Amino acid sequence: MLNSDGPRISPPRSLKISTDKTNEPFRQALGLDENGNSTCNEDRDEILRYLNLQLIANGYPAALTDADRTFAEVAKGLLENHRQKNRLLVNHRCPADQRIERFLQSHFSDVPGGGDLKF
């Protein structure tokens, strides 16, 4: 994804080789080896794809590579369809939710403001 084809960005000096092993858990948590290089490019690419998909789903521009542009074009149509369905169904309650809501409204009807309970 991002920076995968371009030059590698040098890791911070604090994460490079040192004789002190206290930084080891931090390097591993960040996905870096002893030299500060990334150890999980596939995981990183998958996370970036997911983040880009979330950006597209919410109508924001995404940082896409050429390989991901085709996927994004297919996904845009599906996401737009999903967004329209959600918009149309925002006030729709399934039958179980309707029954629960009616029960709560009748149960709390004698409490001030209890008749207006909504999920």
N, C-alpha and C. Protein backbone atom coordinates (compact mmCIF):
# COMPACT_ATOMS: atom_id res chain seq x y z
N MET A 1 0.83 -1.17 0.00
CA MET A 1 0.00 0.00 0.00
C MET A 1 0.88 1.25 0.00
N LEU A 2 0.72 2.10 1.00
CA LEU A 2 1.48 3.33 1.05
C LEU A 2 2.95 3.03 1.30
N ASN A 3 3.82 3.71 0.60
CA ASN A 3 5.26 3.57 0.74
C ASN A 3 5.78 2.17 0.45
N SER A 4 4.95 1.27 -0.11
CA SER A 4 5.43 -0.08 -0.37
C SER A 4 6.33 -0.11 -1.60
N ASP A 5 6.09 0.78 -2.57
CA ASP A 5 6.91 0.80 -3.77
C ASP A 5 8.03 1.83 -3.68
N GLY A 6 7.88 2.80 -2.83
CA GLY A 6 8.85 3.88 -2.72
C GLY A 6 9.97 3.55 -1.77
N PRO A 7 10.81 4.52 -1.52
CA PRO A 7 11.94 4.30 -0.61
C PRO A 7 11.46 4.08 0.82
N ARG A 8 12.21 3.31 1.55
CA ARG A 8 11.89 3.02 2.95
C ARG A 8 12.19 4.25 3.80
N ILE A 9 11.32 4.52 4.73
CA ILE A 9 11.54 5.62 5.66
C ILE A 9 12.34 5.06 6.82
N SER A 10 13.39 5.75 7.18
CA SER A 10 14.25 5.29 8.26
C SER A 10 13.51 5.35 9.59
N PRO A 11 13.60 4.28 10.40
CA PRO A 11 12.93 4.29 11.70
C PRO A 11 13.62 5.25 12.66
N PRO A 12 12.92 5.67 13.70
CA PRO A 12 13.52 6.57 14.68
C PRO A 12 14.76 5.94 15.32
N ARG A 13 15.71 6.78 15.69
CA ARG A 13 16.95 6.28 16.30
C ARG A 13 16.68 5.48 17.56
N SER A 14 15.64 5.83 18.29
CA SER A 14 15.36 5.14 19.55
C SER A 14 14.95 3.69 19.33
N LEU A 15 14.56 3.33 18.10
CA LEU A 15 14.13 1.96 17.83
C LEU A 15 15.18 1.16 17.06
N LYS A 16 16.30 1.76 16.76
CA LYS A 16 17.37 1.04 16.06
C LYS A 16 18.15 0.20 17.05
N ILE A 17 19.14 -0.51 16.52
CA ILE A 17 19.95 -1.42 17.34
C ILE A 17 20.52 -0.70 18.54
N SER A 18 20.36 -1.34 19.68
CA SER A 18 20.99 -0.84 20.89
C SER A 18 21.33 -2.05 21.74
N THR A 19 22.28 -1.88 22.64
CA THR A 19 22.66 -2.98 23.51
C THR A 19 21.63 -3.17 24.61
N ASP A 20 20.80 -2.19 24.82
CA ASP A 20 19.78 -2.24 25.86
C ASP A 20 18.57 -3.02 25.33
N LYS A 21 18.17 -4.09 26.00
CA LYS A 21 17.05 -4.92 25.56
C LYS A 21 15.70 -4.42 26.07
N THR A 22 15.66 -3.28 26.75
CA THR A 22 14.39 -2.78 27.26
C THR A 22 13.47 -2.32 26.13
N ASN A 23 14.03 -1.97 24.97
CA ASN A 23 13.22 -1.52 23.84
C ASN A 23 12.61 -2.68 23.07
N GLU A 24 13.04 -3.91 23.34
CA GLU A 24 12.59 -5.07 22.57
C GLU A 24 11.06 -5.23 22.56
N PRO A 25 10.39 -5.18 23.71
CA PRO A 25 8.92 -5.31 23.67
C PRO A 25 8.24 -4.21 22.85
N PHE A 26 8.79 -3.01 22.90
CA PHE A 26 8.21 -1.91 22.13
C PHE A 26 8.40 -2.14 20.64
N ARG A 27 9.59 -2.59 20.25
CA ARG A 27 9.85 -2.86 18.83
C ARG A 27 8.91 -3.96 18.33
N GLN A 28 8.75 -5.02 19.10
CA GLN A 28 7.88 -6.11 18.68
C GLN A 28 6.43 -5.65 18.58
N ALA A 29 6.00 -4.85 19.54
CA ALA A 29 4.62 -4.34 19.52
C ALA A 29 4.37 -3.46 18.30
N LEU A 30 5.39 -2.76 17.86
CA LEU A 30 5.27 -1.90 16.68
C LEU A 30 5.49 -2.66 15.38
N GLY A 31 5.88 -3.93 15.47
CA GLY A 31 6.13 -4.73 14.27
C GLY A 31 7.46 -4.44 13.64
N LEU A 32 8.48 -4.13 14.45
CA LEU A 32 9.81 -3.82 13.94
C LEU A 32 10.81 -4.86 14.42
N ASP A 33 11.82 -5.14 13.58
CA ASP A 33 12.88 -6.06 14.00
C ASP A 33 13.97 -5.28 14.72
N GLU A 34 15.10 -5.96 14.99
CA GLU A 34 16.19 -5.32 15.75
C GLU A 34 16.75 -4.08 15.05
N ASN A 35 16.68 -4.06 13.72
CA ASN A 35 17.20 -2.93 12.96
C ASN A 35 16.16 -1.83 12.75
N GLY A 36 14.97 -2.05 13.25
CA GLY A 36 13.92 -1.05 13.08
C GLY A 36 13.14 -1.19 11.79
N ASN A 37 13.34 -2.30 11.06
CA ASN A 37 12.61 -2.53 9.81
C ASN A 37 11.30 -3.24 10.10
N SER A 38 10.32 -3.01 9.26
CA SER A 38 9.01 -3.61 9.44
C SER A 38 9.07 -5.12 9.28
N THR A 39 8.37 -5.84 10.17
CA THR A 39 8.34 -7.30 10.09
C THR A 39 6.98 -7.81 9.61
N CYS A 40 6.03 -6.92 9.41
CA CYS A 40 4.68 -7.39 9.08
C CYS A 40 4.07 -6.57 7.94
N ASN A 41 4.72 -6.57 6.79
CA ASN A 41 4.21 -5.80 5.66
C ASN A 41 2.85 -6.28 5.20
N GLU A 42 2.63 -7.62 5.23
CA GLU A 42 1.33 -8.14 4.80
C GLU A 42 0.22 -7.68 5.75
N ASP A 43 0.48 -7.73 7.04
CA ASP A 43 -0.52 -7.26 8.00
C ASP A 43 -0.76 -5.76 7.83
N ARG A 44 0.30 -5.03 7.60
CA ARG A 44 0.19 -3.58 7.41
C ARG A 44 -0.65 -3.27 6.18
N ASP A 45 -0.39 -3.99 5.09
CA ASP A 45 -1.16 -3.77 3.87
C ASP A 45 -2.64 -4.10 4.07
N GLU A 46 -2.92 -5.16 4.82
CA GLU A 46 -4.30 -5.52 5.09
C GLU A 46 -4.99 -4.45 5.94
N ILE A 47 -4.29 -3.94 6.92
CA ILE A 47 -4.85 -2.88 7.76
C ILE A 47 -5.09 -1.62 6.94
N LEU A 48 -4.15 -1.28 6.07
CA LEU A 48 -4.32 -0.09 5.22
C LEU A 48 -5.51 -0.27 4.28
N ARG A 49 -5.67 -1.48 3.72
CA ARG A 49 -6.83 -1.74 2.86
C ARG A 49 -8.13 -1.55 3.64
N TYR A 50 -8.15 -2.07 4.86
CA TYR A 50 -9.35 -1.94 5.69
C TYR A 50 -9.63 -0.46 6.01
N LEU A 51 -8.60 0.28 6.37
CA LEU A 51 -8.78 1.71 6.68
C LEU A 51 -9.25 2.47 5.46
N ASN A 52 -8.69 2.16 4.29
CA ASN A 52 -9.12 2.82 3.06
C ASN A 52 -10.58 2.48 2.76
N LEU A 53 -10.96 1.23 2.99
CA LEU A 53 -12.35 0.84 2.77
C LEU A 53 -13.28 1.60 3.72
N GLN A 54 -12.86 1.79 4.97
CA GLN A 54 -13.66 2.56 5.92
C GLN A 54 -13.78 4.02 5.46
N LEU A 55 -12.68 4.58 4.96
CA LEU A 55 -12.72 5.95 4.46
C LEU A 55 -13.70 6.07 3.29
N ILE A 56 -13.62 5.13 2.35
CA ILE A 56 -14.51 5.15 1.19
C ILE A 56 -15.96 4.99 1.65
N ALA A 57 -16.20 4.09 2.60
CA ALA A 57 -17.56 3.84 3.08
C ALA A 57 -18.17 5.07 3.72
N ASN A 58 -17.35 5.91 4.31
CA ASN A 58 -17.85 7.12 4.96
C ASN A 58 -17.75 8.35 4.09
N GLY A 59 -17.42 8.15 2.81
CA GLY A 59 -17.42 9.25 1.86
C GLY A 59 -16.17 10.10 1.85
N TYR A 60 -15.08 9.62 2.44
CA TYR A 60 -13.83 10.36 2.46
C TYR A 60 -12.88 9.82 1.39
N PRO A 61 -11.97 10.65 0.91
CA PRO A 61 -10.98 10.14 -0.06
C PRO A 61 -10.00 9.19 0.61
N ALA A 62 -9.56 8.20 -0.15
CA ALA A 62 -8.63 7.20 0.39
C ALA A 62 -7.32 7.26 -0.38
N ALA A 63 -6.25 6.85 0.28
CA ALA A 63 -4.92 6.79 -0.33
C ALA A 63 -4.76 5.41 -0.95
N LEU A 64 -5.09 5.30 -2.23
CA LEU A 64 -5.11 4.00 -2.90
C LEU A 64 -3.92 3.83 -3.83
N THR A 65 -3.46 2.60 -3.93
CA THR A 65 -2.46 2.26 -4.95
C THR A 65 -3.22 1.88 -6.21
N ASP A 66 -2.51 1.72 -7.31
CA ASP A 66 -3.15 1.33 -8.56
C ASP A 66 -3.85 -0.02 -8.43
N ALA A 67 -3.24 -0.93 -7.68
CA ALA A 67 -3.83 -2.26 -7.51
C ALA A 67 -5.14 -2.20 -6.72
N ASP A 68 -5.25 -1.25 -5.81
CA ASP A 68 -6.46 -1.15 -4.99
C ASP A 68 -7.56 -0.32 -5.63
N ARG A 69 -7.23 0.41 -6.68
CA ARG A 69 -8.25 1.25 -7.32
C ARG A 69 -9.38 0.41 -7.92
N THR A 70 -9.05 -0.71 -8.54
CA THR A 70 -10.08 -1.57 -9.12
C THR A 70 -11.00 -2.09 -8.03
N PHE A 71 -10.41 -2.56 -6.93
CA PHE A 71 -11.21 -3.03 -5.80
C PHE A 71 -12.09 -1.91 -5.26
N ALA A 72 -11.54 -0.73 -5.17
CA ALA A 72 -12.30 0.40 -4.63
C ALA A 72 -13.48 0.76 -5.52
N GLU A 73 -13.31 0.66 -6.83
CA GLU A 73 -14.41 0.97 -7.74
C GLU A 73 -15.56 -0.01 -7.56
N VAL A 74 -15.24 -1.29 -7.40
CA VAL A 74 -16.27 -2.30 -7.15
C VAL A 74 -16.92 -2.05 -5.79
N ALA A 75 -16.10 -1.77 -4.81
CA ALA A 75 -16.60 -1.57 -3.45
C ALA A 75 -17.47 -0.33 -3.34
N LYS A 76 -17.18 0.72 -4.11
CA LYS A 76 -17.96 1.95 -4.01
C LYS A 76 -19.43 1.71 -4.30
N GLY A 77 -19.71 0.91 -5.34
CA GLY A 77 -21.10 0.61 -5.67
C GLY A 77 -21.80 -0.16 -4.56
N LEU A 78 -21.11 -1.14 -4.02
CA LEU A 78 -21.69 -1.94 -2.93
C LEU A 78 -21.90 -1.08 -1.68
N LEU A 79 -20.93 -0.24 -1.38
CA LEU A 79 -21.05 0.61 -0.19
C LEU A 79 -22.15 1.65 -0.34
N GLU A 80 -22.32 2.18 -1.54
CA GLU A 80 -23.40 3.14 -1.77
C GLU A 80 -24.76 2.47 -1.59
N ASN A 81 -24.89 1.24 -2.10
CA ASN A 81 -26.12 0.48 -1.92
C ASN A 81 -26.39 0.24 -0.44
N HIS A 82 -25.37 -0.13 0.30
CA HIS A 82 -25.49 -0.37 1.74
C HIS A 82 -25.88 0.92 2.48
N ARG A 83 -25.27 2.03 2.10
CA ARG A 83 -25.57 3.31 2.73
C ARG A 83 -27.03 3.71 2.49
N GLN A 84 -27.53 3.49 1.26
CA GLN A 84 -28.92 3.83 0.96
C GLN A 84 -29.89 2.96 1.76
N LYS A 85 -29.58 1.66 1.88
CA LYS A 85 -30.45 0.77 2.66
C LYS A 85 -30.48 1.20 4.12
N ASN A 86 -29.32 1.54 4.66
CA ASN A 86 -29.27 1.99 6.06
C ASN A 86 -30.08 3.27 6.26
N ARG A 87 -30.00 4.17 5.29
CA ARG A 87 -30.74 5.43 5.38
C ARG A 87 -32.25 5.16 5.37
N LEU A 88 -32.68 4.22 4.52
CA LEU A 88 -34.11 3.91 4.43
C LEU A 88 -34.62 3.15 5.65
N LEU A 89 -33.75 2.37 6.28
CA LEU A 89 -34.18 1.53 7.40
C LEU A 89 -33.84 2.12 8.76
N VAL A 90 -33.42 3.37 8.82
CA VAL A 90 -32.96 3.95 10.08
C VAL A 90 -34.07 3.96 11.13
N ASN A 91 -35.31 4.16 10.74
CA ASN A 91 -36.41 4.22 11.71
C ASN A 91 -37.20 2.92 11.77
N HIS A 92 -36.79 1.91 11.03
CA HIS A 92 -37.50 0.63 11.02
C HIS A 92 -37.06 -0.22 12.20
N ARG A 93 -38.02 -0.80 12.90
CA ARG A 93 -37.72 -1.68 14.03
C ARG A 93 -38.15 -3.10 13.64
N CYS A 94 -37.34 -4.07 14.01
CA CYS A 94 -37.74 -5.46 13.80
C CYS A 94 -38.89 -5.76 14.77
N PRO A 95 -39.69 -6.80 14.50
CA PRO A 95 -40.85 -7.09 15.37
C PRO A 95 -40.49 -7.26 16.84
N ALA A 96 -39.39 -7.92 17.14
CA ALA A 96 -39.01 -8.11 18.54
C ALA A 96 -38.73 -6.77 19.22
N ASP A 97 -38.03 -5.87 18.53
CA ASP A 97 -37.75 -4.55 19.10
C ASP A 97 -39.04 -3.76 19.30
N GLN A 98 -39.97 -3.90 18.36
CA GLN A 98 -41.25 -3.20 18.50
C GLN A 98 -42.00 -3.67 19.74
N ARG A 99 -42.01 -5.00 19.97
CA ARG A 99 -42.70 -5.54 21.15
C ARG A 99 -42.03 -5.07 22.44
N ILE A 100 -40.70 -5.08 22.47
CA ILE A 100 -39.98 -4.63 23.67
C ILE A 100 -40.26 -3.16 23.93
N GLU A 101 -40.24 -2.36 22.87
CA GLU A 101 -40.49 -0.92 23.02
C GLU A 101 -41.91 -0.67 23.53
N ARG A 102 -42.90 -1.39 22.98
CA ARG A 102 -44.29 -1.24 23.45
C ARG A 102 -44.42 -1.64 24.92
N PHE A 103 -43.75 -2.75 25.30
CA PHE A 103 -43.80 -3.20 26.69
C PHE A 103 -43.22 -2.13 27.62
N LEU A 104 -42.05 -1.60 27.26
CA LEU A 104 -41.41 -0.59 28.11
C LEU A 104 -42.28 0.66 28.22
N GLN A 105 -42.89 1.06 27.11
CA GLN A 105 -43.74 2.25 27.14
C GLN A 105 -44.96 2.02 28.03
N SER A 106 -45.57 0.83 27.95
CA SER A 106 -46.74 0.57 28.79
C SER A 106 -46.34 0.39 30.25
N HIS A 107 -45.20 -0.23 30.49
CA HIS A 107 -44.74 -0.48 31.86
C HIS A 107 -44.38 0.82 32.58
N PHE A 108 -43.78 1.75 31.85
CA PHE A 108 -43.35 3.02 32.45
C PHE A 108 -44.30 4.17 32.13
N SER A 109 -45.52 3.87 31.70
CA SER A 109 -46.45 4.93 31.30
C SER A 109 -46.86 5.81 32.47
N ASP A 110 -46.86 5.26 33.71
CA ASP A 110 -47.25 6.07 34.86
C ASP A 110 -46.10 6.93 35.39
N VAL A 111 -44.89 6.74 34.88
CA VAL A 111 -43.73 7.54 35.27
C VAL A 111 -43.68 8.75 34.34
N PRO A 112 -43.45 9.95 34.88
CA PRO A 112 -43.36 11.13 34.00
C PRO A 112 -42.29 10.94 32.92
N GLY A 113 -42.71 11.08 31.67
CA GLY A 113 -41.79 10.92 30.54
C GLY A 113 -41.59 9.46 30.14
N GLY A 114 -42.21 8.53 30.84
CA GLY A 114 -42.01 7.12 30.56
C GLY A 114 -42.72 6.63 29.31
N GLY A 115 -43.75 7.33 28.88
CA GLY A 115 -44.46 6.93 27.67
C GLY A 115 -43.70 7.22 26.40
N ASP A 116 -42.65 8.01 26.50
CA ASP A 116 -41.87 8.40 25.32
C ASP A 116 -40.60 7.58 25.15
N LEU A 117 -40.51 6.43 25.83
CA LEU A 117 -39.29 5.63 25.74
C LEU A 117 -39.10 5.10 24.32
N LYS A 118 -37.91 5.22 23.84
CA LYS A 118 -37.55 4.72 22.50
C LYS A 118 -36.21 4.03 22.59
N PHE A 119 -36.02 3.06 21.75
CA PHE A 119 -34.71 2.40 21.66
C PHE A 119 -33.74 3.32 20.98
